[in-house]
Amino acid sequence: HSSPHGCSNCPLNMCKGLVIERIQAEPVEGKRKFIYLGDGKGDYC
């Protein structure tokens, strides 16, 4: 209602893509590699 995420791939209440982008942007030493496991439409983003 107050701050929609604006992602057409995700349900109104949660964009998992934004969560992954936030994790990817965390300051860490060296490059990290990601393994993502999921099943649903919300895991596509």
ModelCIF file with pLDDT and N, C-alpha, C, O atoms, coordinates in Angstrom:
data_MODEL
#
_entry.id   MODEL 
#
_entity.id                         1 
_entity.type                       polymer 
_entity.pdbx_number_of_molecules   1 
#
_entity_poly.entity_id                      1 
_entity_poly.type                           'polypeptide(L)' 
_entity_poly.nstd_linkage                   no 
_entity_poly.nstd_monomer                   no 
_entity_poly.pdbx_seq_one_letter_code       HSSPHGCSNCPLNMCKGLVIERIQAEPVEGKRKFIYLGDGKGDYC 
_entity_poly.pdbx_seq_one_letter_code_can   HSSPHGCSNCPLNMCKGLVIERIQAEPVEGKRKFIYLGDGKGDYC 
_entity_poly.pdbx_strand_id                 A 
#
loop_
_entity_poly_seq.entity_id 
_entity_poly_seq.num 
_entity_poly_seq.mon_id 
_entity_poly_seq.hetero 
1 1  HIS n 
1 2  SER n 
1 3  SER n 
1 4  PRO n 
1 5  HIS n 
1 6  GLY n 
1 7  CYS n 
1 8  SER n 
1 9  ASN n 
1 10 CYS n 
1 11 PRO n 
1 12 LEU n 
1 13 ASN n 
1 14 MET n 
1 15 CYS n 
1 16 LYS n 
1 17 GLY n 
1 18 LEU n 
1 19 VAL n 
1 20 ILE n 
1 21 GLU n 
1 22 ARG n 
1 23 ILE n 
1 24 GLN n 
1 25 ALA n 
1 26 GLU n 
1 27 PRO n 
1 28 VAL n 
1 29 GLU n 
1 30 GLY n 
1 31 LYS n 
1 32 ARG n 
1 33 LYS n 
1 34 PHE n 
1 35 ILE n 
1 36 TYR n 
1 37 LEU n 
1 38 GLY n 
1 39 ASP n 
1 40 GLY n 
1 41 LYS n 
1 42 GLY n 
1 43 ASP n 
1 44 TYR n 
1 45 CYS n 
#
_struct_asym.id          A 
_struct_asym.entity_id   1 
#
loop_
_ma_qa_metric.id 
_ma_qa_metric.mode 
_ma_qa_metric.name 
_ma_qa_metric.software_group_id 
_ma_qa_metric.type 
1 global pLDDT . pLDDT 
2 local  pLDDT . pLDDT 
#
_ma_qa_metric_global.metric_id      1 
_ma_qa_metric_global.metric_value   91.73 
_ma_qa_metric_global.model_id       1 
_ma_qa_metric_global.ordinal_id     1 
#
loop_
_ma_qa_metric_local.label_asym_id 
_ma_qa_metric_local.label_comp_id 
_ma_qa_metric_local.label_seq_id 
_ma_qa_metric_local.metric_id 
_ma_qa_metric_local.metric_value 
_ma_qa_metric_local.model_id 
_ma_qa_metric_local.ordinal_id 
A HIS 1  2 72.00 1 1  
A SER 2  2 71.00 1 2  
A SER 3  2 72.00 1 3  
A PRO 4  2 79.00 1 4  
A HIS 5  2 86.00 1 5  
A GLY 6  2 81.00 1 6  
A CYS 7  2 91.00 1 7  
A SER 8  2 85.00 1 8  
A ASN 9  2 86.00 1 9  
A CYS 10 2 90.00 1 10 
A PRO 11 2 87.00 1 11 
A LEU 12 2 87.00 1 12 
A ASN 13 2 90.00 1 13 
A MET 14 2 94.00 1 14 
A CYS 15 2 96.00 1 15 
A LYS 16 2 97.00 1 16 
A GLY 17 2 97.00 1 17 
A LEU 18 2 96.00 1 18 
A VAL 19 2 97.00 1 19 
A ILE 20 2 97.00 1 20 
A GLU 21 2 97.00 1 21 
A ARG 22 2 96.00 1 22 
A ILE 23 2 97.00 1 23 
A GLN 24 2 96.00 1 24 
A ALA 25 2 95.00 1 25 
A GLU 26 2 94.00 1 26 
A PRO 27 2 91.00 1 27 
A VAL 28 2 90.00 1 28 
A GLU 29 2 85.00 1 29 
A GLY 30 2 86.00 1 30 
A LYS 31 2 89.00 1 31 
A ARG 32 2 95.00 1 32 
A LYS 33 2 97.00 1 33 
A PHE 34 2 98.00 1 34 
A ILE 35 2 98.00 1 35 
A TYR 36 2 98.00 1 36 
A LEU 37 2 98.00 1 37 
A GLY 38 2 98.00 1 38 
A ASP 39 2 98.00 1 39 
A GLY 40 2 97.00 1 40 
A LYS 41 2 96.00 1 41 
A GLY 42 2 96.00 1 42 
A ASP 43 2 98.00 1 43 
A TYR 44 2 97.00 1 44 
A CYS 45 2 97.00 1 45 
#
loop_
_atom_site.group_PDB 
_atom_site.id 
_atom_site.type_symbol 
_atom_site.label_atom_id 
_atom_site.label_alt_id 
_atom_site.label_comp_id 
_atom_site.label_asym_id 
_atom_site.label_entity_id 
_atom_site.label_seq_id 
_atom_site.pdbx_PDB_ins_code 
_atom_site.Cartn_x 
_atom_site.Cartn_y 
_atom_site.Cartn_z 
_atom_site.occupancy 
_atom_site.B_iso_or_equiv 
_atom_site.pdbx_formal_charge 
_atom_site.auth_seq_id 
_atom_site.auth_comp_id 
_atom_site.auth_asym_id 
_atom_site.auth_atom_id 
_atom_site.pdbx_PDB_model_num 
ATOM 1   N N  . HIS A 1 1  ? 0.826  -1.205  0.000   1.00 72.00 ? 1  HIS A N  1 
ATOM 2   C CA . HIS A 1 1  ? 0.000  0.000   0.000   1.00 72.00 ? 1  HIS A CA 1 
ATOM 3   C C  . HIS A 1 1  ? 0.866  1.262   0.000   1.00 72.00 ? 1  HIS A C  1 
ATOM 4   O O  . HIS A 1 1  ? 0.600  2.197   -0.756  1.00 72.00 ? 1  HIS A O  1 
ATOM 5   N N  . SER A 1 2  ? 1.893  1.292   0.841   1.00 71.00 ? 2  SER A N  1 
ATOM 6   C CA . SER A 1 2  ? 2.712  2.501   0.969   1.00 71.00 ? 2  SER A CA 1 
ATOM 7   C C  . SER A 1 2  ? 3.965  2.489   0.106   1.00 71.00 ? 2  SER A C  1 
ATOM 8   O O  . SER A 1 2  ? 4.430  3.547   -0.317  1.00 71.00 ? 2  SER A O  1 
ATOM 9   N N  . SER A 1 3  ? 4.520  1.308   -0.162  1.00 72.00 ? 3  SER A N  1 
ATOM 10  C CA . SER A 1 3  ? 5.770  1.245   -0.936  1.00 72.00 ? 3  SER A CA 1 
ATOM 11  C C  . SER A 1 3  ? 5.792  -0.002  -1.822  1.00 72.00 ? 3  SER A C  1 
ATOM 12  O O  . SER A 1 3  ? 6.532  -0.945  -1.541  1.00 72.00 ? 3  SER A O  1 
ATOM 13  N N  . PRO A 1 4  ? 4.993  -0.015  -2.884  1.00 79.00 ? 4  PRO A N  1 
ATOM 14  C CA . PRO A 1 4  ? 4.974  -1.185  -3.771  1.00 79.00 ? 4  PRO A CA 1 
ATOM 15  C C  . PRO A 1 4  ? 6.323  -1.408  -4.441  1.00 79.00 ? 4  PRO A C  1 
ATOM 16  O O  . PRO A 1 4  ? 7.027  -0.452  -4.766  1.00 79.00 ? 4  PRO A O  1 
ATOM 17  N N  . HIS A 1 5  ? 6.682  -2.684  -4.646  1.00 86.00 ? 5  HIS A N  1 
ATOM 18  C CA . HIS A 1 5  ? 8.007  -2.987  -5.211  1.00 86.00 ? 5  HIS A CA 1 
ATOM 19  C C  . HIS A 1 5  ? 8.060  -2.810  -6.722  1.00 86.00 ? 5  HIS A C  1 
ATOM 20  O O  . HIS A 1 5  ? 9.144  -2.637  -7.279  1.00 86.00 ? 5  HIS A O  1 
ATOM 21  N N  . GLY A 1 6  ? 6.912  -2.850  -7.399  1.00 81.00 ? 6  GLY A N  1 
ATOM 22  C CA . GLY A 1 6  ? 6.884  -2.549  -8.825  1.00 81.00 ? 6  GLY A CA 1 
ATOM 23  C C  . GLY A 1 6  ? 7.360  -3.652  -9.750  1.00 81.00 ? 6  GLY A C  1 
ATOM 24  O O  . GLY A 1 6  ? 7.569  -3.399  -10.937 1.00 81.00 ? 6  GLY A O  1 
ATOM 25  N N  . CYS A 1 7  ? 7.539  -4.865  -9.249  1.00 91.00 ? 7  CYS A N  1 
ATOM 26  C CA . CYS A 1 7  ? 8.011  -5.974  -10.081 1.00 91.00 ? 7  CYS A CA 1 
ATOM 27  C C  . CYS A 1 7  ? 6.814  -6.766  -10.590 1.00 91.00 ? 7  CYS A C  1 
ATOM 28  O O  . CYS A 1 7  ? 6.024  -7.280  -9.797  1.00 91.00 ? 7  CYS A O  1 
ATOM 29  N N  . SER A 1 8  ? 6.678  -6.864  -11.898 1.00 85.00 ? 8  SER A N  1 
ATOM 30  C CA . SER A 1 8  ? 5.522  -7.555  -12.487 1.00 85.00 ? 8  SER A CA 1 
ATOM 31  C C  . SER A 1 8  ? 5.630  -9.072  -12.391 1.00 85.00 ? 8  SER A C  1 
ATOM 32  O O  . SER A 1 8  ? 4.636  -9.772  -12.583 1.00 85.00 ? 8  SER A O  1 
ATOM 33  N N  . ASN A 1 9  ? 6.826  -9.593  -12.096 1.00 86.00 ? 9  ASN A N  1 
ATOM 34  C CA . ASN A 1 9  ? 7.012  -11.042 -11.995 1.00 86.00 ? 9  ASN A CA 1 
ATOM 35  C C  . ASN A 1 9  ? 6.615  -11.603 -10.639 1.00 86.00 ? 9  ASN A C  1 
ATOM 36  O O  . ASN A 1 9  ? 6.454  -12.815 -10.497 1.00 86.00 ? 9  ASN A O  1 
ATOM 37  N N  . CYS A 1 10 ? 6.454  -10.737 -9.637  1.00 90.00 ? 10 CYS A N  1 
ATOM 38  C CA . CYS A 1 10 ? 6.317  -11.192 -8.253  1.00 90.00 ? 10 CYS A CA 1 
ATOM 39  C C  . CYS A 1 10 ? 4.968  -10.801 -7.657  1.00 90.00 ? 10 CYS A C  1 
ATOM 40  O O  . CYS A 1 10 ? 4.329  -9.864  -8.135  1.00 90.00 ? 10 CYS A O  1 
ATOM 41  N N  . PRO A 1 11 ? 4.526  -11.520 -6.606  1.00 87.00 ? 11 PRO A N  1 
ATOM 42  C CA . PRO A 1 11 ? 3.299  -11.126 -5.907  1.00 87.00 ? 11 PRO A CA 1 
ATOM 43  C C  . PRO A 1 11 ? 3.486  -9.788  -5.209  1.00 87.00 ? 11 PRO A C  1 
ATOM 44  O O  . PRO A 1 11 ? 4.610  -9.350  -4.964  1.00 87.00 ? 11 PRO A O  1 
ATOM 45  N N  . LEU A 1 12 ? 2.364  -9.143  -4.891  1.00 87.00 ? 12 LEU A N  1 
ATOM 46  C CA . LEU A 1 12 ? 2.413  -7.795  -4.329  1.00 87.00 ? 12 LEU A CA 1 
ATOM 47  C C  . LEU A 1 12 ? 3.237  -7.711  -3.049  1.00 87.00 ? 12 LEU A C  1 
ATOM 48  O O  . LEU A 1 12 ? 3.912  -6.709  -2.810  1.00 87.00 ? 12 LEU A O  1 
ATOM 49  N N  . ASN A 1 13 ? 3.186  -8.753  -2.228  1.00 90.00 ? 13 ASN A N  1 
ATOM 50  C CA . ASN A 1 13 ? 3.775  -8.655  -0.894  1.00 90.00 ? 13 ASN A CA 1 
ATOM 51  C C  . ASN A 1 13 ? 5.274  -8.927  -0.838  1.00 90.00 ? 13 ASN A C  1 
ATOM 52  O O  . ASN A 1 13 ? 5.917  -8.604  0.160   1.00 90.00 ? 13 ASN A O  1 
ATOM 53  N N  . MET A 1 14 ? 5.856  -9.529  -1.914  1.00 94.00 ? 14 MET A N  1 
ATOM 54  C CA . MET A 1 14 ? 7.278  -9.847  -1.830  1.00 94.00 ? 14 MET A CA 1 
ATOM 55  C C  . MET A 1 14 ? 7.905  -10.033 -3.198  1.00 94.00 ? 14 MET A C  1 
ATOM 56  O O  . MET A 1 14 ? 7.437  -10.839 -4.001  1.00 94.00 ? 14 MET A O  1 
ATOM 57  N N  . CYS A 1 15 ? 8.976  -9.276  -3.461  1.00 96.00 ? 15 CYS A N  1 
ATOM 58  C CA . CYS A 1 15 ? 9.810  -9.486  -4.640  1.00 96.00 ? 15 CYS A CA 1 
ATOM 59  C C  . CYS A 1 15 ? 11.116 -10.117 -4.164  1.00 96.00 ? 15 CYS A C  1 
ATOM 60  O O  . CYS A 1 15 ? 11.953 -9.450  -3.556  1.00 96.00 ? 15 CYS A O  1 
ATOM 61  N N  . LYS A 1 16 ? 11.281 -11.404 -4.444  1.00 97.00 ? 16 LYS A N  1 
ATOM 62  C CA . LYS A 1 16 ? 12.500 -12.094 -4.019  1.00 97.00 ? 16 LYS A CA 1 
ATOM 63  C C  . LYS A 1 16 ? 13.722 -11.592 -4.800  1.00 97.00 ? 16 LYS A C  1 
ATOM 64  O O  . LYS A 1 16 ? 14.849 -11.676 -4.313  1.00 97.00 ? 16 LYS A O  1 
ATOM 65  N N  . GLY A 1 17 ? 13.497 -11.077 -5.996  1.00 97.00 ? 17 GLY A N  1 
ATOM 66  C CA . GLY A 1 17 ? 14.608 -10.538 -6.772  1.00 97.00 ? 17 GLY A CA 1 
ATOM 67  C C  . GLY A 1 17 ? 15.276 -9.369  -6.073  1.00 97.00 ? 17 GLY A C  1 
ATOM 68  O O  . GLY A 1 17 ? 16.500 -9.243  -6.105  1.00 97.00 ? 17 GLY A O  1 
ATOM 69  N N  . LEU A 1 18 ? 14.484 -8.513  -5.442  1.00 96.00 ? 18 LEU A N  1 
ATOM 70  C CA . LEU A 1 18 ? 15.041 -7.385  -4.689  1.00 96.00 ? 18 LEU A CA 1 
ATOM 71  C C  . LEU A 1 18 ? 15.848 -7.880  -3.493  1.00 96.00 ? 18 LEU A C  1 
ATOM 72  O O  . LEU A 1 18 ? 16.864 -7.283  -3.137  1.00 96.00 ? 18 LEU A O  1 
ATOM 73  N N  . VAL A 1 19 ? 15.401 -8.959  -2.880  1.00 97.00 ? 19 VAL A N  1 
ATOM 74  C CA . VAL A 1 19 ? 16.139 -9.527  -1.749  1.00 97.00 ? 19 VAL A CA 1 
ATOM 75  C C  . VAL A 1 19 ? 17.501 -10.033 -2.216  1.00 97.00 ? 19 VAL A C  1 
ATOM 76  O O  . VAL A 1 19 ? 18.514 -9.781  -1.563  1.00 97.00 ? 19 VAL A O  1 
ATOM 77  N N  . ILE A 1 20 ? 17.529 -10.743 -3.342  1.00 97.00 ? 20 ILE A N  1 
ATOM 78  C CA . ILE A 1 20 ? 18.787 -11.258 -3.872  1.00 97.00 ? 20 ILE A CA 1 
ATOM 79  C C  . ILE A 1 20 ? 19.723 -10.112 -4.243  1.00 97.00 ? 20 ILE A C  1 
ATOM 80  O O  . ILE A 1 20 ? 20.922 -10.188 -3.976  1.00 97.00 ? 20 ILE A O  1 
ATOM 81  N N  . GLU A 1 21 ? 19.199 -9.061  -4.851  1.00 97.00 ? 21 GLU A N  1 
ATOM 82  C CA . GLU A 1 21 ? 20.035 -7.909  -5.198  1.00 97.00 ? 21 GLU A CA 1 
ATOM 83  C C  . GLU A 1 21 ? 20.644 -7.281  -3.955  1.00 97.00 ? 21 GLU A C  1 
ATOM 84  O O  . GLU A 1 21 ? 21.800 -6.858  -3.971  1.00 97.00 ? 21 GLU A O  1 
ATOM 85  N N  . ARG A 1 22 ? 19.876 -7.220  -2.887  1.00 96.00 ? 22 ARG A N  1 
ATOM 86  C CA . ARG A 1 22 ? 20.393 -6.653  -1.636  1.00 96.00 ? 22 ARG A CA 1 
ATOM 87  C C  . ARG A 1 22 ? 21.507 -7.533  -1.064  1.00 96.00 ? 22 ARG A C  1 
ATOM 88  O O  . ARG A 1 22 ? 22.513 -7.019  -0.574  1.00 96.00 ? 22 ARG A O  1 
ATOM 89  N N  . ILE A 1 23 ? 21.332 -8.845  -1.123  1.00 97.00 ? 23 ILE A N  1 
ATOM 90  C CA . ILE A 1 23 ? 22.370 -9.757  -0.637  1.00 97.00 ? 23 ILE A CA 1 
ATOM 91  C C  . ILE A 1 23 ? 23.621 -9.649  -1.500  1.00 97.00 ? 23 ILE A C  1 
ATOM 92  O O  . ILE A 1 23 ? 24.736 -9.636  -0.980  1.00 97.00 ? 23 ILE A O  1 
ATOM 93  N N  . GLN A 1 24 ? 23.439 -9.572  -2.810  1.00 96.00 ? 24 GLN A N  1 
ATOM 94  C CA . GLN A 1 24 ? 24.572 -9.462  -3.730  1.00 96.00 ? 24 GLN A CA 1 
ATOM 95  C C  . GLN A 1 24 ? 25.373 -8.179  -3.494  1.00 96.00 ? 24 GLN A C  1 
ATOM 96  O O  . GLN A 1 24 ? 26.582 -8.143  -3.724  1.00 96.00 ? 24 GLN A O  1 
ATOM 97  N N  . ALA A 1 25 ? 24.694 -7.131  -3.036  1.00 95.00 ? 25 ALA A N  1 
ATOM 98  C CA . ALA A 1 25 ? 25.347 -5.839  -2.848  1.00 95.00 ? 25 ALA A CA 1 
ATOM 99  C C  . ALA A 1 25 ? 26.041 -5.701  -1.495  1.00 95.00 ? 25 ALA A C  1 
ATOM 100 O O  . ALA A 1 25 ? 26.674 -4.679  -1.232  1.00 95.00 ? 25 ALA A O  1 
ATOM 101 N N  . GLU A 1 26 ? 25.934 -6.700  -0.647  1.00 94.00 ? 26 GLU A N  1 
ATOM 102 C CA . GLU A 1 26 ? 26.569 -6.629  0.669   1.00 94.00 ? 26 GLU A CA 1 
ATOM 103 C C  . GLU A 1 26 ? 28.090 -6.514  0.516   1.00 94.00 ? 26 GLU A C  1 
ATOM 104 O O  . GLU A 1 26 ? 28.675 -7.188  -0.332  1.00 94.00 ? 26 GLU A O  1 
ATOM 105 N N  . PRO A 1 27 ? 28.729 -5.673  1.322   1.00 91.00 ? 27 PRO A N  1 
ATOM 106 C CA . PRO A 1 27 ? 30.191 -5.542  1.235   1.00 91.00 ? 27 PRO A CA 1 
ATOM 107 C C  . PRO A 1 27 ? 30.886 -6.771  1.815   1.00 91.00 ? 27 PRO A C  1 
ATOM 108 O O  . PRO A 1 27 ? 30.797 -7.033  3.014   1.00 91.00 ? 27 PRO A O  1 
ATOM 109 N N  . VAL A 1 28 ? 31.567 -7.509  0.971   1.00 90.00 ? 28 VAL A N  1 
ATOM 110 C CA . VAL A 1 28 ? 32.295 -8.702  1.404   1.00 90.00 ? 28 VAL A CA 1 
ATOM 111 C C  . VAL A 1 28 ? 33.647 -8.726  0.711   1.00 90.00 ? 28 VAL A C  1 
ATOM 112 O O  . VAL A 1 28 ? 33.857 -8.067  -0.307  1.00 90.00 ? 28 VAL A O  1 
ATOM 113 N N  . GLU A 1 29 ? 34.553 -9.496  1.284   1.00 85.00 ? 29 GLU A N  1 
ATOM 114 C CA . GLU A 1 29 ? 35.875 -9.649  0.685   1.00 85.00 ? 29 GLU A CA 1 
ATOM 115 C C  . GLU A 1 29 ? 35.845 -10.796 -0.323  1.00 85.00 ? 29 GLU A C  1 
ATOM 116 O O  . GLU A 1 29 ? 35.484 -11.921 0.023   1.00 85.00 ? 29 GLU A O  1 
ATOM 117 N N  . GLY A 1 30 ? 36.221 -10.512 -1.552  1.00 86.00 ? 30 GLY A N  1 
ATOM 118 C CA . GLY A 1 30 ? 36.227 -11.532 -2.587  1.00 86.00 ? 30 GLY A CA 1 
ATOM 119 C C  . GLY A 1 30 ? 34.866 -11.697 -3.232  1.00 86.00 ? 30 GLY A C  1 
ATOM 120 O O  . GLY A 1 30 ? 33.874 -11.125 -2.781  1.00 86.00 ? 30 GLY A O  1 
ATOM 121 N N  . LYS A 1 31 ? 34.833 -12.478 -4.281  1.00 89.00 ? 31 LYS A N  1 
ATOM 122 C CA . LYS A 1 31 ? 33.606 -12.715 -5.032  1.00 89.00 ? 31 LYS A CA 1 
ATOM 123 C C  . LYS A 1 31 ? 32.882 -13.934 -4.480  1.00 89.00 ? 31 LYS A C  1 
ATOM 124 O O  . LYS A 1 31 ? 33.489 -14.978 -4.241  1.00 89.00 ? 31 LYS A O  1 
ATOM 125 N N  . ARG A 1 32 ? 31.594 -13.789 -4.285  1.00 95.00 ? 32 ARG A N  1 
ATOM 126 C CA . ARG A 1 32 ? 30.784 -14.907 -3.811  1.00 95.00 ? 32 ARG A CA 1 
ATOM 127 C C  . ARG A 1 32 ? 30.056 -15.570 -4.975  1.00 95.00 ? 32 ARG A C  1 
ATOM 128 O O  . ARG A 1 32 ? 29.703 -14.920 -5.960  1.00 95.00 ? 32 ARG A O  1 
ATOM 129 N N  . LYS A 1 33 ? 29.841 -16.858 -4.844  1.00 97.00 ? 33 LYS A N  1 
ATOM 130 C CA . LYS A 1 33 ? 29.035 -17.578 -5.817  1.00 97.00 ? 33 LYS A CA 1 
ATOM 131 C C  . LYS A 1 33 ? 27.742 -18.017 -5.149  1.00 97.00 ? 33 LYS A C  1 
ATOM 132 O O  . LYS A 1 33 ? 27.731 -18.424 -3.987  1.00 97.00 ? 33 LYS A O  1 
ATOM 133 N N  . PHE A 1 34 ? 26.657 -17.928 -5.902  1.00 98.00 ? 34 PHE A N  1 
ATOM 134 C CA . PHE A 1 34 ? 25.331 -18.211 -5.361  1.00 98.00 ? 34 PHE A CA 1 
ATOM 135 C C  . PHE A 1 34 ? 24.763 -19.499 -5.938  1.00 98.00 ? 34 PHE A C  1 
ATOM 136 O O  . PHE A 1 34 ? 24.920 -19.792 -7.123  1.00 98.00 ? 34 PHE A O  1 
ATOM 137 N N  . ILE A 1 35 ? 24.104 -20.258 -5.078  1.00 98.00 ? 35 ILE A N  1 
ATOM 138 C CA . ILE A 1 35 ? 23.292 -21.397 -5.499  1.00 98.00 ? 35 ILE A CA 1 
ATOM 139 C C  . ILE A 1 35 ? 21.879 -21.125 -4.985  1.00 98.00 ? 35 ILE A C  1 
ATOM 140 O O  . ILE A 1 35 ? 21.669 -20.997 -3.779  1.00 98.00 ? 35 ILE A O  1 
ATOM 141 N N  . TYR A 1 36 ? 20.917 -21.036 -5.893  1.00 98.00 ? 36 TYR A N  1 
ATOM 142 C CA . TYR A 1 36 ? 19.535 -20.713 -5.510  1.00 98.00 ? 36 TYR A CA 1 
ATOM 143 C C  . TYR A 1 36 ? 18.637 -21.913 -5.775  1.00 98.00 ? 36 TYR A C  1 
ATOM 144 O O  . TYR A 1 36 ? 18.631 -22.459 -6.878  1.00 98.00 ? 36 TYR A O  1 
ATOM 145 N N  . LEU A 1 37 ? 17.874 -22.327 -4.755  1.00 98.00 ? 37 LEU A N  1 
ATOM 146 C CA . LEU A 1 37 ? 16.966 -23.466 -4.878  1.00 98.00 ? 37 LEU A CA 1 
ATOM 147 C C  . LEU A 1 37 ? 15.536 -23.014 -4.659  1.00 98.00 ? 37 LEU A C  1 
ATOM 148 O O  . LEU A 1 37 ? 15.232 -22.339 -3.676  1.00 98.00 ? 37 LEU A O  1 
ATOM 149 N N  . GLY A 1 38 ? 14.647 -23.393 -5.592  1.00 98.00 ? 38 GLY A N  1 
ATOM 150 C CA . GLY A 1 38 ? 13.253 -23.005 -5.454  1.00 98.00 ? 38 GLY A CA 1 
ATOM 151 C C  . GLY A 1 38 ? 12.348 -23.832 -6.341  1.00 98.00 ? 38 GLY A C  1 
ATOM 152 O O  . GLY A 1 38 ? 12.796 -24.715 -7.071  1.00 98.00 ? 38 GLY A O  1 
ATOM 153 N N  . ASP A 1 39 ? 11.053 -23.524 -6.262  1.00 98.00 ? 39 ASP A N  1 
ATOM 154 C CA . ASP A 1 39 ? 10.077 -24.303 -7.030  1.00 98.00 ? 39 ASP A CA 1 
ATOM 155 C C  . ASP A 1 39 ? 9.018  -23.448 -7.708  1.00 98.00 ? 39 ASP A C  1 
ATOM 156 O O  . ASP A 1 39 ? 8.503  -23.834 -8.757  1.00 98.00 ? 39 ASP A O  1 
ATOM 157 N N  . GLY A 1 40 ? 8.675  -22.287 -7.132  1.00 97.00 ? 40 GLY A N  1 
ATOM 158 C CA . GLY A 1 40 ? 7.485  -21.564 -7.570  1.00 97.00 ? 40 GLY A CA 1 
ATOM 159 C C  . GLY A 1 40 ? 7.725  -20.401 -8.505  1.00 97.00 ? 40 GLY A C  1 
ATOM 160 O O  . GLY A 1 40 ? 8.863  -20.066 -8.834  1.00 97.00 ? 40 GLY A O  1 
ATOM 161 N N  . LYS A 1 41 ? 6.622  -19.786 -8.931  1.00 96.00 ? 41 LYS A N  1 
ATOM 162 C CA . LYS A 1 41 ? 6.706  -18.631 -9.825  1.00 96.00 ? 41 LYS A CA 1 
ATOM 163 C C  . LYS A 1 41 ? 7.504  -17.502 -9.192  1.00 96.00 ? 41 LYS A C  1 
ATOM 164 O O  . LYS A 1 41 ? 8.234  -16.791 -9.884  1.00 96.00 ? 41 LYS A O  1 
ATOM 165 N N  . GLY A 1 42 ? 7.368  -17.332 -7.873  1.00 96.00 ? 42 GLY A N  1 
ATOM 166 C CA . GLY A 1 42 ? 8.081  -16.262 -7.180  1.00 96.00 ? 42 GLY A CA 1 
ATOM 167 C C  . GLY A 1 42 ? 9.581  -16.450 -7.152  1.00 96.00 ? 42 GLY A C  1 
ATOM 168 O O  . GLY A 1 42 ? 10.315 -15.523 -6.810  1.00 96.00 ? 42 GLY A O  1 
ATOM 169 N N  . ASP A 1 43 ? 10.053 -17.651 -7.510  1.00 98.00 ? 43 ASP A N  1 
ATOM 170 C CA . ASP A 1 43 ? 11.491 -17.923 -7.533  1.00 98.00 ? 43 ASP A CA 1 
ATOM 171 C C  . ASP A 1 43 ? 12.115 -17.622 -8.894  1.00 98.00 ? 43 ASP A C  1 
ATOM 172 O O  . ASP A 1 43 ? 13.329 -17.732 -9.061  1.00 98.00 ? 43 ASP A O  1 
ATOM 173 N N  . TYR A 1 44 ? 11.289 -17.246 -9.862  1.00 97.00 ? 44 TYR A N  1 
ATOM 174 C CA . TYR A 1 44 ? 11.817 -16.934 -11.193 1.00 97.00 ? 44 TYR A CA 1 
ATOM 175 C C  . TYR A 1 44 ? 12.575 -15.607 -11.194 1.00 97.00 ? 44 TYR A C  1 
ATOM 176 O O  . TYR A 1 44 ? 13.662 -15.513 -11.765 1.00 97.00 ? 44 TYR A O  1 
ATOM 177 N N  . CYS A 1 45 ? 12.007 -14.585 -10.559 1.00 97.00 ? 45 CYS A N  1 
ATOM 178 C CA . CYS A 1 45 ? 12.651 -13.268 -10.515 1.00 97.00 ? 45 CYS A CA 1 
ATOM 179 C C  . CYS A 1 45 ? 14.047 -13.341 -9.891  1.00 97.00 ? 45 CYS A C  1 
ATOM 180 O O  . CYS A 1 45 ? 14.726 -12.320 -9.778  1.00 97.00 ? 45 CYS A O  1 
#
